[in-house]
PDB file of N, CA and C in Angstrom:
ATOM      1  N   MET A   1      15.970 -14.357  13.674  1.00  0.00           N
ATOM      2  CA  MET A   1      14.769 -13.466  13.466  1.00  0.00           C
ATOM      3  C   MET A   1      13.727 -13.820  14.581  1.00  0.00           C
ATOM      4  N   ARG A   2      13.146 -12.940  15.114  1.00  0.00           N
ATOM      5  CA  ARG A   2      11.964 -13.118  16.073  1.00  0.00           C
ATOM      6  C   ARG A   2      10.779 -13.630  15.442  1.00  0.00           C
ATOM      7  N   TYR A   3      10.089 -14.629  16.130  1.00  0.00           N
ATOM      8  CA  TYR A   3       8.928 -15.054  15.749  1.00  0.00           C
ATOM      9  C   TYR A   3       7.864 -14.008  15.847  1.00  0.00           C
ATOM     10  N   VAL A   4       6.917 -13.862  14.935  1.00  0.00           N
ATOM     11  CA  VAL A   4       5.926 -12.943  14.823  1.00  0.00           C
ATOM     12  C   VAL A   4       4.581 -13.708  14.754  1.00  0.00           C
ATOM     13  N   THR A   5       3.766 -13.503  15.756  1.00  0.00           N
ATOM     14  CA  THR A   5       2.364 -14.120  15.789  1.00  0.00           C
ATOM     15  C   THR A   5       1.457 -13.764  14.645  1.00  0.00           C
ATOM     16  N   SER A   6       0.442 -14.573  14.559  1.00  0.00           N
ATOM     17  CA  SER A   6      -0.417 -14.012  13.535  1.00  0.00           C
ATOM     18  C   SER A   6      -1.177 -12.817  13.899  1.00  0.00           C
ATOM     19  N   PHE A   7      -1.383 -12.525  15.166  1.00  0.00           N
ATOM     20  CA  PHE A   7      -1.897 -11.487  15.742  1.00  0.00           C
ATOM     21  C   PHE A   7      -1.142 -10.251  15.329  1.00  0.00           C
ATOM     22  N   GLU A   8       0.114 -10.416  15.700  1.00  0.00           N
ATOM     23  CA  GLU A   8       1.216  -9.151  15.344  1.00  0.00           C
ATOM     24  C   GLU A   8       1.174  -8.922  13.851  1.00  0.00           C
ATOM     25  N   ARG A   9       1.118  -9.979  12.860  1.00  0.00           N
ATOM     26  CA  ARG A   9       1.139  -9.782  11.417  1.00  0.00           C
ATOM     27  C   ARG A   9      -0.233  -9.033  11.095  1.00  0.00           C
ATOM     28  N   ILE A  10      -1.387  -9.386  11.661  1.00  0.00           N
ATOM     29  CA  ILE A  10      -2.513  -8.801  11.272  1.00  0.00           C
ATOM     30  C   ILE A  10      -2.428  -7.229  11.761  1.00  0.00           C
ATOM     31  N   ALA A  11      -1.864  -6.997  12.873  1.00  0.00           N
ATOM     32  CA  ALA A  11      -1.773  -5.686  13.362  1.00  0.00           C
ATOM     33  C   ALA A  11      -0.941  -4.784  12.434  1.00  0.00           C
ATOM     34  N   ARG A  12       0.298  -5.419  12.190  1.00  0.00           N
ATOM     35  CA  ARG A  12       1.175  -4.736  11.208  1.00  0.00           C
ATOM     36  C   ARG A  12       0.332  -4.447   9.986  1.00  0.00           C
ATOM     37  N   ARG A  13      -0.221  -5.321   9.255  1.00  0.00           N
ATOM     38  CA  ARG A  13      -0.817  -5.098   8.095  1.00  0.00           C
ATOM     39  C   ARG A  13      -1.849  -4.042   8.133  1.00  0.00           C
ATOM     40  N   GLU A  14      -2.696  -3.978   9.181  1.00  0.00           N
ATOM     41  CA  GLU A  14      -3.692  -3.003   9.520  1.00  0.00           C
ATOM     42  C   GLU A  14      -3.169  -1.676   9.593  1.00  0.00           C
ATOM     43  N   GLU A  15      -1.980  -1.590  10.274  1.00  0.00           N
ATOM     44  CA  GLU A  15      -1.383  -0.182  10.308  1.00  0.00           C
ATOM     45  C   GLU A  15      -0.836   0.271   9.201  1.00  0.00           C
ATOM     46  N   LEU A  16      -0.148  -0.697   8.382  1.00  0.00           N
ATOM     47  CA  LEU A  16       0.297  -0.337   7.096  1.00  0.00           C
ATOM     48  C   LEU A  16      -0.836   0.198   6.225  1.00  0.00           C
ATOM     49  N   LEU A  17      -2.026  -0.651   6.161  1.00  0.00           N
ATOM     50  CA  LEU A  17      -3.058  -0.157   5.387  1.00  0.00           C
ATOM     51  C   LEU A  17      -3.663   1.279   5.752  1.00  0.00           C
ATOM     52  N   GLU A  18      -3.781   1.684   7.080  1.00  0.00           N
ATOM     53  CA  GLU A  18      -4.209   2.852   7.557  1.00  0.00           C
ATOM     54  C   GLU A  18      -3.236   3.971   6.957  1.00  0.00           C
ATOM     55  N   GLY A  19      -1.896   3.686   7.117  1.00  0.00           N
ATOM     56  CA  GLY A  19      -0.914   4.495   6.628  1.00  0.00           C
ATOM     57  C   GLY A  19      -1.012   4.851   4.995  1.00  0.00           C
ATOM     58  N   ILE A  20      -1.068   3.730   4.245  1.00  0.00           N
ATOM     59  CA  ILE A  20      -1.246   3.910   2.911  1.00  0.00           C
ATOM     60  C   ILE A  20      -2.507   4.721   2.452  1.00  0.00           C
ATOM     61  N   GLU A  21      -3.685   4.387   3.299  1.00  0.00           N
ATOM     62  CA  GLU A  21      -4.920   5.243   2.902  1.00  0.00           C
ATOM     63  C   GLU A  21      -4.639   6.613   3.122  1.00  0.00           C
ATOM     64  N   LEU A  22      -4.154   6.927   4.174  1.00  0.00           N
ATOM     65  CA  LEU A  22      -3.788   8.329   4.794  1.00  0.00           C
ATOM     66  C   LEU A  22      -2.936   8.936   3.615  1.00  0.00           C
ATOM     67  N   GLY A  23      -1.851   8.261   3.195  1.00  0.00           N
ATOM     68  CA  GLY A  23      -0.895   8.932   2.342  1.00  0.00           C
ATOM     69  C   GLY A  23      -1.569   9.131   0.968  1.00  0.00           C
ATOM     70  N   LEU A  24      -2.468   8.229   0.567  1.00  0.00           N
ATOM     71  CA  LEU A  24      -3.147   8.246  -0.834  1.00  0.00           C
ATOM     72  C   LEU A  24      -4.042   9.470  -0.724  1.00  0.00           C
ATOM     73  N   GLU A  25      -4.682   9.764   0.442  1.00  0.00           N
ATOM     74  CA  GLU A  25      -5.702  10.784   0.452  1.00  0.00           C
ATOM     75  C   GLU A  25      -5.011  12.188   0.440  1.00  0.00           C
ATOM     76  N   LEU A  26      -3.818  12.187   1.354  1.00  0.00           N
ATOM     77  CA  LEU A  26      -3.299  13.519   1.232  1.00  0.00           C
ATOM     78  C   LEU A  26      -2.444  13.857   0.083  1.00  0.00           C
ATOM     79  N   LYS A  27      -1.959  12.785  -0.715  1.00  0.00           N
ATOM     80  CA  LYS A  27      -1.316  13.053  -1.935  1.00  0.00           C
ATOM     81  C   LYS A  27      -2.025  13.101  -3.288  1.00  0.00           C
ATOM     82  N   PHE A  28      -3.100  12.386  -3.121  1.00  0.00           N
ATOM     83  CA  PHE A  28      -3.914  12.358  -4.412  1.00  0.00           C
ATOM     84  C   PHE A  28      -5.614  12.619  -4.263  1.00  0.00           C
ATOM     85  N   GLY A  29      -5.833  12.912  -3.051  1.00  0.00           N
ATOM     86  CA  GLY A  29      -7.269  13.184  -2.682  1.00  0.00           C
ATOM     87  C   GLY A  29      -8.088  11.863  -2.912  1.00  0.00           C
ATOM     88  N   SER A  30      -9.442  12.187  -3.288  1.00  0.00           N
ATOM     89  CA  SER A  30     -10.314  10.848  -3.372  1.00  0.00           C
ATOM     90  C   SER A  30      -9.934  10.143  -4.537  1.00  0.00           C
ATOM     91  N   VAL A  31      -9.117  10.553  -5.562  1.00  0.00           N
ATOM     92  CA  VAL A  31      -8.743   9.670  -6.750  1.00  0.00           C
ATOM     93  C   VAL A  31      -7.853   8.710  -6.051  1.00  0.00           C
ATOM     94  N   GLY A  32      -6.938   9.103  -5.236  1.00  0.00           N
ATOM     95  CA  GLY A  32      -5.873   8.161  -4.638  1.00  0.00           C
ATOM     96  C   GLY A  32      -6.694   6.938  -3.826  1.00  0.00           C
ATOM     97  N   LEU A  33      -7.837   7.174  -3.256  1.00  0.00           N
ATOM     98  CA  LEU A  33      -8.442   6.241  -2.556  1.00  0.00           C
ATOM     99  C   LEU A  33      -9.129   5.174  -3.357  1.00  0.00           C
ATOM    100  N   THR A  34      -9.306   5.464  -4.525  1.00  0.00           N
ATOM    101  CA  THR A  34      -9.947   4.449  -5.459  1.00  0.00           C
ATOM    102  C   THR A  34      -9.189   3.218  -5.673  1.00  0.00           C
ATOM    103  N   ILE A  35      -7.959   3.106  -5.431  1.00  0.00           N
ATOM    104  CA  ILE A  35      -7.146   1.789  -5.424  1.00  0.00           C
ATOM    105  C   ILE A  35      -7.030   1.330  -4.124  1.00  0.00           C
ATOM    106  N   MET A  36      -7.629   1.790  -3.055  1.00  0.00           N
ATOM    107  CA  MET A  36      -7.512   1.170  -1.874  1.00  0.00           C
ATOM    108  C   MET A  36      -8.050  -0.320  -1.626  1.00  0.00           C
ATOM    109  N   PRO A  37      -9.216  -0.541  -2.393  1.00  0.00           N
ATOM    110  CA  PRO A  37      -9.707  -1.905  -2.464  1.00  0.00           C
ATOM    111  C   PRO A  37      -8.737  -2.959  -3.028  1.00  0.00           C
ATOM    112  N   GLU A  38      -8.064  -2.552  -3.997  1.00  0.00           N
ATOM    113  CA  GLU A  38      -6.787  -3.442  -4.758  1.00  0.00           C
ATOM    114  C   GLU A  38      -5.779  -3.739  -3.513  1.00  0.00           C
ATOM    115  N   ILE A  39      -5.387  -2.710  -2.968  1.00  0.00           N
ATOM    116  CA  ILE A  39      -4.328  -2.726  -2.029  1.00  0.00           C
ATOM    117  C   ILE A  39      -4.700  -3.444  -0.680  1.00  0.00           C
ATOM    118  N   SER A  40      -5.950  -3.382  -0.372  1.00  0.00           N
ATOM    119  CA  SER A  40      -6.491  -4.018   0.857  1.00  0.00           C
ATOM    120  C   SER A  40      -6.555  -5.634   0.645  1.00  0.00           C
ATOM    121  N   GLN A  41      -6.418  -5.970  -0.747  1.00  0.00           N
ATOM    122  CA  GLN A  41      -6.416  -7.468  -0.805  1.00  0.00           C
ATOM    123  C   GLN A  41      -5.085  -8.073  -0.722  1.00  0.00           C
ATOM    124  N   LEU A  42      -4.120  -7.194  -0.618  1.00  0.00           N
ATOM    125  CA  LEU A  42      -2.535  -7.685  -0.585  1.00  0.00           C
ATOM    126  C   LEU A  42      -2.536  -8.196   0.918  1.00  0.00           C
ATOM    127  N   GLU A  43      -1.609  -9.362   0.986  1.00  0.00           N
ATOM    128  CA  GLU A  43      -1.345  -9.911   2.157  1.00  0.00           C
ATOM    129  C   GLU A  43       0.118  -9.774   2.672  1.00  0.00           C
ATOM    130  N   ASP A  44       1.023  -9.456   1.597  1.00  0.00           N
ATOM    131  CA  ASP A  44       2.446  -9.476   1.872  1.00  0.00           C
ATOM    132  C   ASP A  44       2.847  -8.092   2.555  1.00  0.00           C
ATOM    133  N   ILE A  45       3.461  -8.130   3.812  1.00  0.00           N
ATOM    134  CA  ILE A  45       3.732  -7.079   4.481  1.00  0.00           C
ATOM    135  C   ILE A  45       4.764  -6.146   3.664  1.00  0.00           C
ATOM    136  N   GLU A  46       5.844  -6.990   3.264  1.00  0.00           N
ATOM    137  CA  GLU A  46       6.953  -6.237   2.400  1.00  0.00           C
ATOM    138  C   GLU A  46       6.396  -5.413   1.206  1.00  0.00           C
ATOM    139  N   GLN A  47       5.410  -6.024   0.529  1.00  0.00           N
ATOM    140  CA  GLN A  47       4.728  -5.261  -0.474  1.00  0.00           C
ATOM    141  C   GLN A  47       3.942  -3.975  -0.024  1.00  0.00           C
ATOM    142  N   LEU A  48       3.200  -4.117   1.159  1.00  0.00           N
ATOM    143  CA  LEU A  48       2.475  -2.974   1.584  1.00  0.00           C
ATOM    144  C   LEU A  48       3.595  -1.878   2.088  1.00  0.00           C
ATOM    145  N   ARG A  49       4.674  -2.387   2.614  1.00  0.00           N
ATOM    146  CA  ARG A  49       5.753  -1.284   3.044  1.00  0.00           C
ATOM    147  C   ARG A  49       6.311  -0.509   1.721  1.00  0.00           C
ATOM    148  N   ALA A  50       6.481  -1.254   0.609  1.00  0.00           N
ATOM    149  CA  ALA A  50       7.012  -0.700  -0.506  1.00  0.00           C
ATOM    150  C   ALA A  50       6.025   0.100  -1.071  1.00  0.00           C
ATOM    151  N   ILE A  51       4.625  -0.150  -1.083  1.00  0.00           N
ATOM    152  CA  ILE A  51       3.540   0.939  -1.457  1.00  0.00           C
ATOM    153  C   ILE A  51       3.601   2.158  -0.597  1.00  0.00           C
ATOM    154  N   LEU A  52       3.710   1.962   0.732  1.00  0.00           N
ATOM    155  CA  LEU A  52       3.667   3.158   1.660  1.00  0.00           C
ATOM    156  C   LEU A  52       4.759   4.041   1.269  1.00  0.00           C
ATOM    157  N   SER A  53       6.010   3.325   1.090  1.00  0.00           N
ATOM    158  CA  SER A  53       7.228   4.276   0.808  1.00  0.00           C
ATOM    159  C   SER A  53       7.163   4.864  -0.537  1.00  0.00           C
ATOM    160  N   GLY A  54       6.610   4.017  -1.550  1.00  0.00           N
ATOM    161  CA  GLY A  54       6.257   4.642  -2.873  1.00  0.00           C
ATOM    162  C   GLY A  54       5.444   5.758  -2.911  1.00  0.00           C
ATOM    163  N   ILE A  55       4.530   5.886  -2.178  1.00  0.00           N
ATOM    164  CA  ILE A  55       3.639   6.993  -2.193  1.00  0.00           C
ATOM    165  C   ILE A  55       4.436   8.429  -2.130  1.00  0.00           C
ATOM    166  N   LYS A  56       5.571   8.267  -1.473  1.00  0.00           N
ATOM    167  CA  LYS A  56       6.494   9.597  -1.306  1.00  0.00           C
ATOM    168  C   LYS A  56       6.955   9.969  -2.646  1.00  0.00           C
ATOM    169  N   THR A  57       7.343   9.129  -3.570  1.00  0.00           N
ATOM    170  CA  THR A  57       8.175   9.248  -4.712  1.00  0.00           C
ATOM    171  C   THR A  57       7.427   9.181  -5.930  1.00  0.00           C
ATOM    172  N   VAL A  58       6.168   8.605  -6.072  1.00  0.00           N
ATOM    173  CA  VAL A  58       5.302   8.442  -7.359  1.00  0.00           C
ATOM    174  C   VAL A  58       4.590   9.923  -7.614  1.00  0.00           C
ATOM    175  N   SER A  59       4.446   9.963  -8.924  1.00  0.00           N
ATOM    176  CA  SER A  59       3.745  11.187  -9.387  1.00  0.00           C
ATOM    177  C   SER A  59       2.162  10.849  -9.612  1.00  0.00           C
ATOM    178  N   THR A  60       1.909   9.710  -9.935  1.00  0.00           N
ATOM    179  CA  THR A  60       0.466   9.444 -10.144  1.00  0.00           C
ATOM    180  C   THR A  60       0.063   7.980  -9.467  1.00  0.00           C
ATOM    181  N   VAL A  61      -1.154   7.816  -9.492  1.00  0.00           N
ATOM    182  CA  VAL A  61      -1.771   6.585  -8.856  1.00  0.00           C
ATOM    183  C   VAL A  61      -1.224   5.357  -9.779  1.00  0.00           C
ATOM    184  N   GLU A  62      -1.255   5.758 -11.123  1.00  0.00           N
ATOM    185  CA  GLU A  62      -0.817   4.503 -12.034  1.00  0.00           C
ATOM    186  C   GLU A  62       0.576   4.142 -11.638  1.00  0.00           C
ATOM    187  N   GLU A  63       1.546   5.086 -11.454  1.00  0.00           N
ATOM    188  CA  GLU A  63       2.791   4.848 -11.074  1.00  0.00           C
ATOM    189  C   GLU A  63       3.019   3.883  -9.753  1.00  0.00           C
ATOM    190  N   LEU A  64       2.016   4.281  -8.834  1.00  0.00           N
ATOM    191  CA  LEU A  64       2.026   3.561  -7.665  1.00  0.00           C
ATOM    192  C   LEU A  64       1.548   2.179  -7.778  1.00  0.00           C
ATOM    193  N   ARG A  65       0.604   2.114  -8.621  1.00  0.00           N
ATOM    194  CA  ARG A  65       0.044   0.796  -8.953  1.00  0.00           C
ATOM    195  C   ARG A  65       1.077  -0.247  -9.575  1.00  0.00           C
ATOM    196  N   GLN A  66       2.120   0.333 -10.212  1.00  0.00           N
ATOM    197  CA  GLN A  66       3.126  -0.473 -10.857  1.00  0.00           C
ATOM    198  C   GLN A  66       4.025  -1.182  -9.754  1.00  0.00           C
ATOM    199  N   ILE A  67       3.935  -0.682  -8.315  1.00  0.00           N
ATOM    200  CA  ILE A  67       4.733  -1.302  -7.469  1.00  0.00           C
ATOM    201  C   ILE A  67       4.120  -2.625  -7.026  1.00  0.00           C
ATOM    202  N   TYR A  68       2.611  -2.843  -7.184  1.00  0.00           N
ATOM    203  CA  TYR A  68       2.202  -4.013  -6.689  1.00  0.00           C
ATOM    204  C   TYR A  68       1.497  -4.754  -7.946  1.00  0.00           C
ATOM    205  N   GLN A  69       1.540  -4.227  -9.100  1.00  0.00           N
ATOM    206  CA  GLN A  69       1.123  -4.906 -10.241  1.00  0.00           C
ATOM    207  C   GLN A  69       2.206  -4.668 -11.296  1.00  0.00           C
ATOM    208  N   PRO A  70       3.239  -5.081 -11.107  1.00  0.00           N
ATOM    209  CA  PRO A  70       4.431  -4.818 -12.144  1.00  0.00           C
ATOM    210  C   PRO A  70       3.885  -5.573 -13.581  1.00  0.00           C
ATOM    211  N   GLY A  71       4.315  -4.731 -14.603  1.00  0.00           N
ATOM    212  CA  GLY A  71       3.873  -5.205 -16.019  1.00  0.00           C
ATOM    213  C   GLY A  71       2.487  -5.014 -16.442  1.00  0.00           C
ATOM    214  N   ILE A  72       1.659  -4.483 -15.508  1.00  0.00           N
ATOM    215  CA  ILE A  72       0.150  -4.200 -15.860  1.00  0.00           C
ATOM    216  C   ILE A  72       0.021  -2.537 -16.132  1.00  0.00           C
ATOM    217  N   GLY A  73      -0.635  -2.234 -17.132  1.00  0.00           N
ATOM    218  CA  GLY A  73      -0.888  -0.857 -17.491  1.00  0.00           C
ATOM    219  C   GLY A  73       0.155  -0.398 -18.426  1.00  0.00           C
ATOM    220  N   GLY A  74       0.437   1.049 -18.395  1.00  0.00           N
ATOM    221  CA  GLY A  74       1.341   1.621 -19.531  1.00  0.00           C
ATOM    222  C   GLY A  74       2.620   1.719 -19.008  1.00  0.00           C
TER     223      GLY A  74
END
């Protein structure tokens, strides 16, 4: 596995967050953007990738939240 510098990790994280934000806005409008502060706190790149991918298949913001907060909510 190739070594990834901290700068590269930060850049990847920022790109993922931008993609997530765009996806949330396009799919859910301003309601979707309300969870961005929660998502922005996440550091795990794989978790962020899962969220970005999940935007395609979930129907609600709450379903998406289950990806990064399993067991919370209904």
